[in-house]
């Protein structure tokens, strides 16, 4: 049996395969880093017993199901509820601050218990994570504090101060949303606050992903325990029903949360389906790392077009813009949060 490293795809064959995949799917594969796409191609080649790029090209031309199988693994769908839970804690704290509500006045437990974290992580990883948490609590990141200094500028924060109506709806976009864990995490936080805070503002959550199958799974709202590994007991018990099956449990999210999210299947590198929509907050986490350098800037133009002035862009914790895009300025280096502004912040 061959291994991925033994399969060679030269430049010419790579371009030919990419053109075929593009013609079959209509997707902009050229946006993504070659090593990411090539690894996916090779893994599929091994799965279907094709050992040369020519063999795989011929296989693709006569097997329509292979396009579907390729896309299933292509989507950036390594995700779980409340991934990087401190990002969601900051997200909640901004709303509480804008509504003049102290955290002690509401019930909300975003951070999972230490026992739950330890259950899904190695002891070494858990110990390292605890050290980081202790460092954060004893020595706050000054840039983390900056986000609260500039709250008055944020578009969603300004809406919190205005009358509750459709015009002042807070709009949030999760892209890519994979199988729905991120937008549902956002919806749970806001629904939980909405139930406890009088006159909570209207909000709208849109979620999109390139993979049709991922979107269908998101709409179903049924998840394995792997997706639940960093959700707190508070949110798990409040918003899920658990059913035992042969190999573990299925966790079904309640309709009250499912109905809060609008899902769209799209290749966002070509633009957003809601072409005129402006969002107050865009979650775009762990997508830039898969883009090649040349096209990252082009994609940022799409994000910029749909982000309201003084809106927030939240990236993944391994991603940074390095001030490569003039309108986006980092205001939280710990959680990689940026504000869109044409004025000088500092």
C-alpha atoms as a PDB file:
ATOM      1  CA  UNK A   1       0.000   0.000   0.000  1.00  0.00           C
ATOM      2  CA  UNK A   2       1.327   3.425  -0.976  1.00  0.00           C
ATOM      3  CA  UNK A   3       1.696   6.424   1.322  1.00  0.00           C
ATOM      4  CA  UNK A   4       0.916  10.070   0.605  1.00  0.00           C
ATOM      5  CA  UNK A   5       4.605  11.012   0.535  1.00  0.00           C
ATOM      6  CA  UNK A   6       5.213   8.450  -2.232  1.00  0.00           C
ATOM      7  CA  UNK A   7       2.707  10.059  -4.590  1.00  0.00           C
ATOM      8  CA  UNK A   8       4.203  12.722  -6.849  1.00  0.00           C
ATOM      9  CA  UNK A   9       2.045  15.351  -8.550  1.00  0.00           C
ATOM     10  CA  UNK A  10       4.047  17.714 -10.738  1.00  0.00           C
ATOM     11  CA  UNK A  11       3.085  21.296 -11.543  1.00  0.00           C
ATOM     12  CA  UNK A  12       1.469  20.465 -14.892  1.00  0.00           C
ATOM     13  CA  UNK A  13      -0.635  17.602 -13.513  1.00  0.00           C
ATOM     14  CA  UNK A  14      -1.645  19.671 -10.481  1.00  0.00           C
ATOM     15  CA  UNK A  15      -3.000  22.456 -12.714  1.00  0.00           C
ATOM     16  CA  UNK A  16      -4.869  19.954 -14.892  1.00  0.00           C
ATOM     17  CA  UNK A  17      -6.503  18.334 -11.836  1.00  0.00           C
ATOM     18  CA  UNK A  18      -7.378  21.740 -10.406  1.00  0.00           C
ATOM     19  CA  UNK A  19      -9.054  22.813 -13.635  1.00  0.00           C
ATOM     20  CA  UNK A  20     -11.084  19.594 -13.735  1.00  0.00           C
ATOM     21  CA  UNK A  21     -12.187  20.012 -10.111  1.00  0.00           C
ATOM     22  CA  UNK A  22     -13.088  23.629 -10.776  1.00  0.00           C
ATOM     23  CA  UNK A  23     -15.118  22.732 -13.877  1.00  0.00           C
ATOM     24  CA  UNK A  24     -16.967  20.008 -11.939  1.00  0.00           C
ATOM     25  CA  UNK A  25     -17.709  22.102  -8.851  1.00  0.00           C
ATOM     26  CA  UNK A  26     -17.418  25.755  -9.866  1.00  0.00           C
ATOM     27  CA  UNK A  27     -15.280  26.410  -6.770  1.00  0.00           C
ATOM     28  CA  UNK A  28     -12.228  28.683  -6.582  1.00  0.00           C
ATOM     29  CA  UNK A  29      -9.627  26.119  -5.557  1.00  0.00           C
ATOM     30  CA  UNK A  30      -6.826  28.474  -6.634  1.00  0.00           C
ATOM     31  CA  UNK A  31      -7.466  30.542  -3.468  1.00  0.00           C
ATOM     32  CA  UNK A  32      -6.105  27.755  -1.277  1.00  0.00           C
ATOM     33  CA  UNK A  33      -2.539  26.784  -0.482  1.00  0.00           C
ATOM     34  CA  UNK A  34      -1.219  24.100  -2.763  1.00  0.00           C
ATOM     35  CA  UNK A  35      -0.047  21.805   0.051  1.00  0.00           C
ATOM     36  CA  UNK A  36      -3.585  21.806   1.514  1.00  0.00           C
ATOM     37  CA  UNK A  37      -5.271  20.953  -1.811  1.00  0.00           C
ATOM     38  CA  UNK A  38      -2.582  18.479  -2.816  1.00  0.00           C
ATOM     39  CA  UNK A  39      -2.824  16.603   0.466  1.00  0.00           C
ATOM     40  CA  UNK A  40      -6.568  16.242  -0.053  1.00  0.00           C
ATOM     41  CA  UNK A  41      -6.068  14.996  -3.624  1.00  0.00           C
ATOM     42  CA  UNK A  42      -3.485  12.435  -2.521  1.00  0.00           C
ATOM     43  CA  UNK A  43      -5.635  11.133   0.319  1.00  0.00           C
ATOM     44  CA  UNK A  44      -8.494  10.576  -2.112  1.00  0.00           C
ATOM     45  CA  UNK A  45      -6.139   8.909  -4.604  1.00  0.00           C
ATOM     46  CA  UNK A  46      -5.099   6.396  -1.957  1.00  0.00           C
ATOM     47  CA  UNK A  47      -8.726   5.818  -0.946  1.00  0.00           C
ATOM     48  CA  UNK A  48      -9.787   4.947  -4.520  1.00  0.00           C
ATOM     49  CA  UNK A  49      -6.584   3.082  -5.454  1.00  0.00           C
ATOM     50  CA  UNK A  50      -5.260   5.596  -7.963  1.00  0.00           C
ATOM     51  CA  UNK A  51      -1.467   5.828  -7.862  1.00  0.00           C
ATOM     52  CA  UNK A  52      -0.830   8.411 -10.565  1.00  0.00           C
ATOM     53  CA  UNK A  53      -2.424  11.795 -11.171  1.00  0.00           C
ATOM     54  CA  UNK A  54      -3.511  10.574 -14.620  1.00  0.00           C
ATOM     55  CA  UNK A  55      -5.361   7.634 -13.032  1.00  0.00           C
ATOM     56  CA  UNK A  56      -7.124   9.966 -10.634  1.00  0.00           C
ATOM     57  CA  UNK A  57      -8.005  12.400 -13.441  1.00  0.00           C
ATOM     58  CA  UNK A  58      -9.656   9.559 -15.366  1.00  0.00           C
ATOM     59  CA  UNK A  59     -11.418   8.380 -12.205  1.00  0.00           C
ATOM     60  CA  UNK A  60     -12.831  11.868 -11.597  1.00  0.00           C
ATOM     61  CA  UNK A  61     -14.172  12.148 -15.137  1.00  0.00           C
ATOM     62  CA  UNK A  62     -16.302   8.988 -14.849  1.00  0.00           C
ATOM     63  CA  UNK A  63     -17.251   8.936 -11.156  1.00  0.00           C
ATOM     64  CA  UNK A  64     -19.512  11.824 -10.162  1.00  0.00           C
ATOM     65  CA  UNK A  65     -19.666  10.572  -6.561  1.00  0.00           C
ATOM     66  CA  UNK A  66     -15.942  11.204  -6.222  1.00  0.00           C
ATOM     67  CA  UNK A  67     -16.520  14.956  -6.522  1.00  0.00           C
ATOM     68  CA  UNK A  68     -18.882  14.745  -3.555  1.00  0.00           C
ATOM     69  CA  UNK A  69     -16.371  12.639  -1.598  1.00  0.00           C
ATOM     70  CA  UNK A  70     -13.568  15.090  -2.368  1.00  0.00           C
ATOM     71  CA  UNK A  71     -15.622  18.041  -1.122  1.00  0.00           C
ATOM     72  CA  UNK A  72     -16.651  16.242   2.083  1.00  0.00           C
ATOM     73  CA  UNK A  73     -13.061  16.197   3.232  1.00  0.00           C
ATOM     74  CA  UNK A  74     -12.191  19.535   1.674  1.00  0.00           C
ATOM     75  CA  UNK A  75     -14.418  21.657   3.898  1.00  0.00           C
ATOM     76  CA  UNK A  76     -12.627  23.234   6.861  1.00  0.00           C
ATOM     77  CA  UNK A  77     -14.771  21.421   9.396  1.00  0.00           C
ATOM     78  CA  UNK A  78     -12.550  20.619  12.384  1.00  0.00           C
ATOM     79  CA  UNK A  79     -14.720  22.337  14.926  1.00  0.00           C
ATOM     80  CA  UNK A  80     -16.640  21.948  18.160  1.00  0.00           C
ATOM     81  CA  UNK A  81     -18.913  24.065  20.333  1.00  0.00           C
ATOM     82  CA  UNK A  82     -17.281  27.065  22.026  1.00  0.00           C
ATOM     83  CA  UNK A  83     -13.909  26.364  20.449  1.00  0.00           C
ATOM     84  CA  UNK A  84     -11.477  28.792  22.126  1.00  0.00           C
ATOM     85  CA  UNK A  85     -14.065  29.516  24.804  1.00  0.00           C
ATOM     86  CA  UNK A  86     -12.266  32.646  26.006  1.00  0.00           C
ATOM     87  CA  UNK A  87     -13.173  34.261  22.652  1.00  0.00           C
ATOM     88  CA  UNK A  88     -16.834  33.612  23.416  1.00  0.00           C
ATOM     89  CA  UNK A  89     -16.407  34.910  26.958  1.00  0.00           C
ATOM     90  CA  UNK A  90     -15.067  38.183  25.530  1.00  0.00           C
ATOM     91  CA  UNK A  91     -17.950  38.263  23.045  1.00  0.00           C
ATOM     92  CA  UNK A  92     -20.464  37.933  25.893  1.00  0.00           C
ATOM     93  CA  UNK A  93     -18.697  40.489  28.082  1.00  0.00           C
ATOM     94  CA  UNK A  94     -18.948  43.105  25.329  1.00  0.00           C
ATOM     95  CA  UNK A  95     -22.718  42.694  25.229  1.00  0.00           C
ATOM     96  CA  UNK A  96     -22.992  42.855  29.012  1.00  0.00           C
ATOM     97  CA  UNK A  97     -20.891  45.998  29.109  1.00  0.00           C
ATOM     98  CA  UNK A  98     -23.000  47.652  26.415  1.00  0.00           C
ATOM     99  CA  UNK A  99     -26.207  46.803  28.274  1.00  0.00           C
ATOM    100  CA  UNK A 100     -24.806  47.918  31.657  1.00  0.00           C
ATOM    101  CA  UNK A 101     -25.320  44.440  33.095  1.00  0.00           C
ATOM    102  CA  UNK A 102     -22.837  42.935  35.514  1.00  0.00           C
ATOM    103  CA  UNK A 103     -21.827  39.342  34.965  1.00  0.00           C
ATOM    104  CA  UNK A 104     -23.004  38.410  38.461  1.00  0.00           C
ATOM    105  CA  UNK A 105     -26.527  39.519  37.586  1.00  0.00           C
ATOM    106  CA  UNK A 106     -27.075  36.747  35.029  1.00  0.00           C
ATOM    107  CA  UNK A 107     -26.608  33.010  34.776  1.00  0.00           C
ATOM    108  CA  UNK A 108     -24.077  32.016  32.156  1.00  0.00           C
ATOM    109  CA  UNK A 109     -21.182  29.582  32.320  1.00  0.00           C
ATOM    110  CA  UNK A 110     -19.241  29.485  29.074  1.00  0.00           C
ATOM    111  CA  UNK A 111     -16.019  27.987  30.372  1.00  0.00           C
ATOM    112  CA  UNK A 112     -16.249  24.181  30.684  1.00  0.00           C
ATOM    113  CA  UNK A 113     -15.285  22.520  33.930  1.00  0.00           C
ATOM    114  CA  UNK A 114     -11.685  21.438  34.444  1.00  0.00           C
ATOM    115  CA  UNK A 115     -12.898  17.843  34.639  1.00  0.00           C
ATOM    116  CA  UNK A 116     -14.481  18.094  31.194  1.00  0.00           C
ATOM    117  CA  UNK A 117     -11.390  19.661  29.663  1.00  0.00           C
ATOM    118  CA  UNK A 118      -9.185  16.983  31.214  1.00  0.00           C
ATOM    119  CA  UNK A 119     -11.443  14.238  29.878  1.00  0.00           C
ATOM    120  CA  UNK A 120     -10.776  15.232  26.276  1.00  0.00           C
ATOM    121  CA  UNK A 121      -7.144  16.318  26.561  1.00  0.00           C
ATOM    122  CA  UNK A 122      -3.906  14.678  27.565  1.00  0.00           C
ATOM    123  CA  UNK A 123      -2.575  15.476  31.046  1.00  0.00           C
ATOM    124  CA  UNK A 124       0.387  17.293  29.538  1.00  0.00           C
ATOM    125  CA  UNK A 125      -1.808  19.436  27.282  1.00  0.00           C
ATOM    126  CA  UNK A 126      -4.194  20.121  30.153  1.00  0.00           C
ATOM    127  CA  UNK A 127      -1.383  21.230  32.469  1.00  0.00           C
ATOM    128  CA  UNK A 128      -0.001  23.545  29.780  1.00  0.00           C
ATOM    129  CA  UNK A 129      -3.463  25.015  29.203  1.00  0.00           C
ATOM    130  CA  UNK A 130      -3.928  25.640  32.924  1.00  0.00           C
ATOM    131  CA  UNK A 131      -0.597  27.480  33.052  1.00  0.00           C
ATOM    132  CA  UNK A 132      -1.792  29.744  30.245  1.00  0.00           C
ATOM    133  CA  UNK A 133      -5.050  30.424  32.033  1.00  0.00           C
ATOM    134  CA  UNK A 134      -3.171  31.322  35.215  1.00  0.00           C
ATOM    135  CA  UNK A 135      -0.910  33.687  33.278  1.00  0.00           C
ATOM    136  CA  UNK A 136      -3.923  35.408  31.746  1.00  0.00           C
ATOM    137  CA  UNK A 137      -5.699  35.830  35.066  1.00  0.00           C
ATOM    138  CA  UNK A 138      -2.615  37.177  36.859  1.00  0.00           C
ATOM    139  CA  UNK A 139      -1.282  39.380  34.053  1.00  0.00           C
ATOM    140  CA  UNK A 140      -3.979  40.683  31.693  1.00  0.00           C
ATOM    141  CA  UNK A 141      -3.049  41.329  28.087  1.00  0.00           C
ATOM    142  CA  UNK A 142      -3.185  45.108  27.602  1.00  0.00           C
ATOM    143  CA  UNK A 143      -4.566  44.685  24.097  1.00  0.00           C
ATOM    144  CA  UNK A 144      -7.369  42.584  25.582  1.00  0.00           C
ATOM    145  CA  UNK A 145      -8.252  45.606  27.712  1.00  0.00           C
ATOM    146  CA  UNK A 146      -8.105  47.873  24.646  1.00  0.00           C
ATOM    147  CA  UNK A 147     -11.254  46.330  23.210  1.00  0.00           C
ATOM    148  CA  UNK A 148     -13.242  47.703  26.131  1.00  0.00           C
ATOM    149  CA  UNK A 149     -11.603  51.111  25.798  1.00  0.00           C
ATOM    150  CA  UNK A 150     -12.924  51.332  22.231  1.00  0.00           C
ATOM    151  CA  UNK A 151     -16.358  49.815  22.856  1.00  0.00           C
ATOM    152  CA  UNK A 152     -18.158  53.105  22.207  1.00  0.00           C
ATOM    153  CA  UNK A 153     -16.891  53.012  18.615  1.00  0.00           C
ATOM    154  CA  UNK A 154     -18.184  49.535  17.802  1.00  0.00           C
ATOM    155  CA  UNK A 155     -21.217  49.429  15.502  1.00  0.00           C
ATOM    156  CA  UNK A 156     -23.051  46.770  17.509  1.00  0.00           C
ATOM    157  CA  UNK A 157     -22.338  48.615  20.760  1.00  0.00           C
ATOM    158  CA  UNK A 158     -23.911  51.783  19.340  1.00  0.00           C
ATOM    159  CA  UNK A 159     -27.017  49.790  18.401  1.00  0.00           C
ATOM    160  CA  UNK A 160     -27.333  48.589  21.992  1.00  0.00           C
ATOM    161  CA  UNK A 161     -27.941  52.207  22.995  1.00  0.00           C
ATOM    162  CA  UNK A 162     -30.677  52.786  20.412  1.00  0.00           C
ATOM    163  CA  UNK A 163     -34.381  51.778  20.298  1.00  0.00           C
ATOM    164  CA  UNK A 164     -35.046  48.071  19.788  1.00  0.00           C
ATOM    165  CA  UNK A 165     -36.238  47.792  16.186  1.00  0.00           C
ATOM    166  CA  UNK A 166     -35.354  46.072  12.907  1.00  0.00           C
ATOM    167  CA  UNK A 167     -33.158  48.954  11.828  1.00  0.00           C
ATOM    168  CA  UNK A 168     -30.969  48.438  14.882  1.00  0.00           C
ATOM    169  CA  UNK A 169     -30.733  44.664  14.533  1.00  0.00           C
ATOM    170  CA  UNK A 170     -27.261  43.386  15.410  1.00  0.00           C
ATOM    171  CA  UNK A 171     -26.023  41.337  12.458  1.00  0.00           C
ATOM    172  CA  UNK A 172     -23.459  38.555  12.792  1.00  0.00           C
ATOM    173  CA  UNK A 173     -21.877  36.385  10.080  1.00  0.00           C
ATOM    174  CA  UNK A 174     -20.075  33.089  10.746  1.00  0.00           C
ATOM    175  CA  UNK A 175     -17.881  32.115   7.790  1.00  0.00           C
ATOM    176  CA  UNK A 176     -16.903  29.343   7.354  1.00  0.00           C
ATOM    177  CA  UNK A 177     -19.435  27.728   9.666  1.00  0.00           C
ATOM    178  CA  UNK A 178     -18.590  24.065   8.883  1.00  0.00           C
ATOM    179  CA  UNK A 179     -21.257  21.883  10.555  1.00  0.00           C
ATOM    180  CA  UNK A 180     -22.730  24.711  12.612  1.00  0.00           C
ATOM    181  CA  UNK A 181     -20.984  24.556  15.974  1.00  0.00           C
ATOM    182  CA  UNK A 182     -19.716  28.152  15.852  1.00  0.00           C
ATOM    183  CA  UNK A 183     -22.952  29.950  14.858  1.00  0.00           C
ATOM    184  CA  UNK A 184     -24.928  27.817  17.285  1.00  0.00           C
ATOM    185  CA  UNK A 185     -22.476  28.751  20.068  1.00  0.00           C
ATOM    186  CA  UNK A 186     -23.119  32.418  19.249  1.00  0.00           C
ATOM    187  CA  UNK A 187     -26.880  31.810  19.224  1.00  0.00           C
ATOM    188  CA  UNK A 188     -26.790  30.056  22.609  1.00  0.00           C
ATOM    189  CA  UNK A 189     -24.963  32.965  24.229  1.00  0.00           C
ATOM    190  CA  UNK A 190     -27.349  35.565  22.823  1.00  0.00           C
ATOM    191  CA  UNK A 191     -30.466  33.507  23.522  1.00  0.00           C
ATOM    192  CA  UNK A 192     -29.331  32.968  27.106  1.00  0.00           C
ATOM    193  CA  UNK A 193     -28.829  36.723  27.568  1.00  0.00           C
ATOM    194  CA  UNK A 194     -32.092  37.492  25.793  1.00  0.00           C
ATOM    195  CA  UNK A 195     -34.006  35.356  28.293  1.00  0.00           C
ATOM    196  CA  UNK A 196     -32.550  37.211  31.268  1.00  0.00           C
ATOM    197  CA  UNK A 197     -32.131  40.836  30.138  1.00  0.00           C
ATOM    198  CA  UNK A 198     -35.244  42.962  29.492  1.00  0.00           C
ATOM    199  CA  UNK A 199     -35.394  44.695  26.101  1.00  0.00           C
ATOM    200  CA  UNK A 200     -32.512  42.691  24.718  1.00  0.00           C
ATOM    201  CA  UNK A 201     -31.734  43.947  21.188  1.00  0.00           C
ATOM    202  CA  UNK A 202     -32.842  42.036  18.062  1.00  0.00           C
ATOM    203  CA  UNK A 203     -30.095  40.064  16.362  1.00  0.00           C
ATOM    204  CA  UNK A 204     -29.576  38.084  13.191  1.00  0.00           C
ATOM    205  CA  UNK A 205     -27.044  35.291  12.654  1.00  0.00           C
ATOM    206  CA  UNK A 206     -26.041  34.182   9.147  1.00  0.00           C
ATOM    207  CA  UNK A 207     -23.726  31.198   8.646  1.00  0.00           C
ATOM    208  CA  UNK A 208     -22.166  30.014   5.392  1.00  0.00           C
ATOM    209  CA  UNK A 209     -19.829  27.299   4.196  1.00  0.00           C
ATOM    210  CA  UNK A 210     -18.510  25.948   0.916  1.00  0.00           C
ATOM    211  CA  UNK A 211     -19.631  22.357   1.597  1.00  0.00           C
ATOM    212  CA  UNK A 212     -23.284  21.492   0.986  1.00  0.00           C
ATOM    213  CA  UNK A 213     -23.069  18.401   3.184  1.00  0.00           C
ATOM    214  CA  UNK A 214     -21.680  20.421   6.100  1.00  0.00           C
ATOM    215  CA  UNK A 215     -24.592  22.842   5.775  1.00  0.00           C
ATOM    216  CA  UNK A 216     -27.104  19.978   5.751  1.00  0.00           C
ATOM    217  CA  UNK A 217     -25.568  18.534   8.925  1.00  0.00           C
ATOM    218  CA  UNK A 218     -25.718  21.971  10.533  1.00  0.00           C
ATOM    219  CA  UNK A 219     -29.405  22.293   9.710  1.00  0.00           C
ATOM    220  CA  UNK A 220     -30.073  18.867  11.238  1.00  0.00           C
ATOM    221  CA  UNK A 221     -28.388  19.956  14.466  1.00  0.00           C
ATOM    222  CA  UNK A 222     -27.331  16.481  15.622  1.00  0.00           C
ATOM    223  CA  UNK A 223     -23.824  16.145  17.085  1.00  0.00           C
ATOM    224  CA  UNK A 224     -21.516  13.509  18.534  1.00  0.00           C
ATOM    225  CA  UNK A 225     -19.788  13.868  21.891  1.00  0.00           C
ATOM    226  CA  UNK A 226     -16.657  15.042  20.060  1.00  0.00           C
ATOM    227  CA  UNK A 227     -18.440  18.295  19.205  1.00  0.00           C
ATOM    228  CA  UNK A 228     -19.410  18.719  22.854  1.00  0.00           C
ATOM    229  CA  UNK A 229     -15.927  18.449  24.347  1.00  0.00           C
ATOM    230  CA  UNK A 230     -15.570  22.126  25.327  1.00  0.00           C
ATOM    231  CA  UNK A 231     -19.171  23.107  25.964  1.00  0.00           C
ATOM    232  CA  UNK A 232     -20.040  23.836  29.577  1.00  0.00           C
ATOM    233  CA  UNK A 233     -22.594  21.707  31.389  1.00  0.00           C
ATOM    234  CA  UNK A 234     -24.760  24.833  31.690  1.00  0.00           C
ATOM    235  CA  UNK A 235     -25.192  25.245  27.941  1.00  0.00           C
ATOM    236  CA  UNK A 236     -25.246  21.519  27.234  1.00  0.00           C
ATOM    237  CA  UNK A 237     -28.096  20.858  29.649  1.00  0.00           C
ATOM    238  CA  UNK A 238     -30.012  23.965  28.614  1.00  0.00           C
ATOM    239  CA  UNK A 239     -29.886  23.622  24.846  1.00  0.00           C
ATOM    240  CA  UNK A 240     -29.420  19.927  23.972  1.00  0.00           C
ATOM    241  CA  UNK A 241     -31.248  16.661  24.319  1.00  0.00           C
ATOM    242  CA  UNK A 242     -29.037  13.589  24.607  1.00  0.00           C
ATOM    243  CA  UNK A 243     -29.888  10.187  23.173  1.00  0.00           C
ATOM    244  CA  UNK A 244     -27.905   7.010  23.751  1.00  0.00           C
ATOM    245  CA  UNK A 245     -27.060   5.000  20.655  1.00  0.00           C
ATOM    246  CA  UNK A 246     -24.936   1.907  20.051  1.00  0.00           C
ATOM    247  CA  UNK A 247     -21.592   3.722  19.940  1.00  0.00           C
ATOM    248  CA  UNK A 248     -22.170   6.559  22.392  1.00  0.00           C
ATOM    249  CA  UNK A 249     -24.563   9.501  22.364  1.00  0.00           C
ATOM    250  CA  UNK A 250     -26.196  11.844  19.906  1.00  0.00           C
ATOM    251  CA  UNK A 251     -26.758  15.401  21.060  1.00  0.00           C
ATOM    252  CA  UNK A 252     -29.602  17.242  19.344  1.00  0.00           C
ATOM    253  CA  UNK A 253     -29.711  21.015  19.597  1.00  0.00           C
ATOM    254  CA  UNK A 254     -33.094  22.476  20.479  1.00  0.00           C
ATOM    255  CA  UNK A 255     -35.237  24.248  17.914  1.00  0.00           C
ATOM    256  CA  UNK A 256     -35.064  27.504  19.882  1.00  0.00           C
ATOM    257  CA  UNK A 257     -31.403  27.724  18.803  1.00  0.00           C
ATOM    258  CA  UNK A 258     -31.739  26.129  15.355  1.00  0.00           C
ATOM    259  CA  UNK A 259     -34.275  28.783  14.411  1.00  0.00           C
ATOM    260  CA  UNK A 260     -31.849  31.581  15.301  1.00  0.00           C
ATOM    261  CA  UNK A 261     -29.392  30.780  12.480  1.00  0.00           C
ATOM    262  CA  UNK A 262     -29.798  31.139   8.716  1.00  0.00           C
ATOM    263  CA  UNK A 263     -27.477  28.751   6.838  1.00  0.00           C
ATOM    264  CA  UNK A 264     -26.188  29.370   3.311  1.00  0.00           C
ATOM    265  CA  UNK A 265     -24.085  27.092   1.113  1.00  0.00           C
ATOM    266  CA  UNK A 266     -21.682  29.227  -0.939  1.00  0.00           C
ATOM    267  CA  UNK A 267     -18.131  29.663  -2.120  1.00  0.00           C
ATOM    268  CA  UNK A 268     -17.433  32.915  -0.329  1.00  0.00           C
ATOM    269  CA  UNK A 269     -14.273  33.552  -2.375  1.00  0.00           C
ATOM    270  CA  UNK A 270     -16.675  34.530  -5.166  1.00  0.00           C
ATOM    271  CA  UNK A 271     -18.602  36.871  -2.903  1.00  0.00           C
ATOM    272  CA  UNK A 272     -21.389  36.603  -0.338  1.00  0.00           C
ATOM    273  CA  UNK A 273     -24.952  35.591  -1.269  1.00  0.00           C
ATOM    274  CA  UNK A 274     -26.309  38.545   0.686  1.00  0.00           C
ATOM    275  CA  UNK A 275     -24.513  41.015  -1.513  1.00  0.00           C
ATOM    276  CA  UNK A 276     -25.786  44.178   0.183  1.00  0.00           C
ATOM    277  CA  UNK A 277     -25.599  43.000   3.794  1.00  0.00           C
ATOM    278  CA  UNK A 278     -23.362  44.740   6.316  1.00  0.00           C
ATOM    279  CA  UNK A 279     -22.457  42.882   9.490  1.00  0.00           C
ATOM    280  CA  UNK A 280     -21.546  44.278  12.893  1.00  0.00           C
ATOM    281  CA  UNK A 281     -19.494  41.190  13.747  1.00  0.00           C
ATOM    282  CA  UNK A 282     -17.882  38.654  11.411  1.00  0.00           C
ATOM    283  CA  UNK A 283     -16.420  35.417  12.760  1.00  0.00           C
ATOM    284  CA  UNK A 284     -13.936  34.202  10.150  1.00  0.00           C
ATOM    285  CA  UNK A 285     -11.813  31.774  12.135  1.00  0.00           C
ATOM    286  CA  UNK A 286      -9.295  29.261  10.805  1.00  0.00           C
ATOM    287  CA  UNK A 287      -9.862  29.976   7.123  1.00  0.00           C
ATOM    288  CA  UNK A 288      -7.001  32.359   6.260  1.00  0.00           C
ATOM    289  CA  UNK A 289      -4.445  29.720   7.214  1.00  0.00           C
ATOM    290  CA  UNK A 290      -5.615  27.638   4.234  1.00  0.00           C
ATOM    291  CA  UNK A 291      -5.379  30.502   1.710  1.00  0.00           C
ATOM    292  CA  UNK A 292      -2.279  31.168  -0.294  1.00  0.00           C
ATOM    293  CA  UNK A 293      -0.635  34.532   0.334  1.00  0.00           C
ATOM    294  CA  UNK A 294      -1.554  36.036  -3.038  1.00  0.00           C
ATOM    295  CA  UNK A 295      -5.292  35.552  -2.567  1.00  0.00           C
ATOM    296  CA  UNK A 296      -5.559  36.391   1.130  1.00  0.00           C
ATOM    297  CA  UNK A 297      -5.733  40.094   0.332  1.00  0.00           C
ATOM    298  CA  UNK A 298      -8.442  39.542  -2.291  1.00  0.00           C
ATOM    299  CA  UNK A 299     -10.568  37.651   0.213  1.00  0.00           C
ATOM    300  CA  UNK A 300     -10.104  40.406   2.786  1.00  0.00           C
ATOM    301  CA  UNK A 301     -11.694  42.794   0.309  1.00  0.00           C
ATOM    302  CA  UNK A 302     -14.827  40.633   0.376  1.00  0.00           C
ATOM    303  CA  UNK A 303     -14.834  40.640   4.181  1.00  0.00           C
ATOM    304  CA  UNK A 304     -14.248  44.393   4.255  1.00  0.00           C
ATOM    305  CA  UNK A 305     -17.164  44.960   1.872  1.00  0.00           C
ATOM    306  CA  UNK A 306     -19.553  43.195   4.259  1.00  0.00           C
ATOM    307  CA  UNK A 307     -18.210  44.520   7.555  1.00  0.00           C
ATOM    308  CA  UNK A 308     -19.892  47.667   8.837  1.00  0.00           C
ATOM    309  CA  UNK A 309     -17.799  50.689   9.759  1.00  0.00           C
ATOM    310  CA  UNK A 310     -16.567  50.085  13.327  1.00  0.00           C
ATOM    311  CA  UNK A 311     -17.545  46.431  12.960  1.00  0.00           C
ATOM    312  CA  UNK A 312     -15.527  43.559  14.447  1.00  0.00           C
ATOM    313  CA  UNK A 313     -13.641  40.825  12.612  1.00  0.00           C
ATOM    314  CA  UNK A 314     -12.732  37.817  14.763  1.00  0.00           C
ATOM    315  CA  UNK A 315     -10.006  35.544  13.396  1.00  0.00           C
ATOM    316  CA  UNK A 316      -8.669  32.225  14.657  1.00  0.00           C
ATOM    317  CA  UNK A 317      -5.973  32.222  17.314  1.00  0.00           C
ATOM    318  CA  UNK A 318      -3.323  31.061  14.854  1.00  0.00           C
ATOM    319  CA  UNK A 319      -4.152  33.811  12.359  1.00  0.00           C
ATOM    320  CA  UNK A 320      -3.051  37.409  12.070  1.00  0.00           C
ATOM    321  CA  UNK A 321      -3.232  40.141   9.441  1.00  0.00           C
ATOM    322  CA  UNK A 322       0.163  41.714  10.225  1.00  0.00           C
ATOM    323  CA  UNK A 323      -1.409  45.123   9.410  1.00  0.00           C
ATOM    324  CA  UNK A 324      -1.629  43.979   5.796  1.00  0.00           C
ATOM    325  CA  UNK A 325      -5.101  45.418   5.356  1.00  0.00           C
ATOM    326  CA  UNK A 326      -5.395  49.109   6.088  1.00  0.00           C
ATOM    327  CA  UNK A 327      -8.972  49.367   7.391  1.00  0.00           C
ATOM    328  CA  UNK A 328      -8.631  46.551   9.928  1.00  0.00           C
ATOM    329  CA  UNK A 329      -6.823  47.333  13.182  1.00  0.00           C
ATOM    330  CA  UNK A 330      -6.169  44.818  15.924  1.00  0.00           C
ATOM    331  CA  UNK A 331      -7.686  45.698  19.298  1.00  0.00           C
ATOM    332  CA  UNK A 332      -7.330  42.322  21.021  1.00  0.00           C
ATOM    333  CA  UNK A 333      -4.100  40.432  20.398  1.00  0.00           C
ATOM    334  CA  UNK A 334      -5.069  37.539  22.655  1.00  0.00           C
ATOM    335  CA  UNK A 335      -8.280  36.691  20.825  1.00  0.00           C
ATOM    336  CA  UNK A 336      -7.233  38.135  17.438  1.00  0.00           C
ATOM    337  CA  UNK A 337     -10.081  40.640  17.175  1.00  0.00           C
ATOM    338  CA  UNK A 338      -9.944  43.525  14.685  1.00  0.00           C
ATOM    339  CA  UNK A 339     -12.021  46.659  14.212  1.00  0.00           C
ATOM    340  CA  UNK A 340     -12.783  48.159  10.815  1.00  0.00           C
ATOM    341  CA  UNK A 341     -12.033  51.843  10.915  1.00  0.00           C
ATOM    342  CA  UNK A 342     -10.740  54.532   8.600  1.00  0.00           C
ATOM    343  CA  UNK A 343      -9.683  56.713  11.518  1.00  0.00           C
ATOM    344  CA  UNK A 344      -6.483  56.515  13.556  1.00  0.00           C
ATOM    345  CA  UNK A 345      -6.964  54.530  16.756  1.00  0.00           C
ATOM    346  CA  UNK A 346      -3.720  54.995  18.579  1.00  0.00           C
END
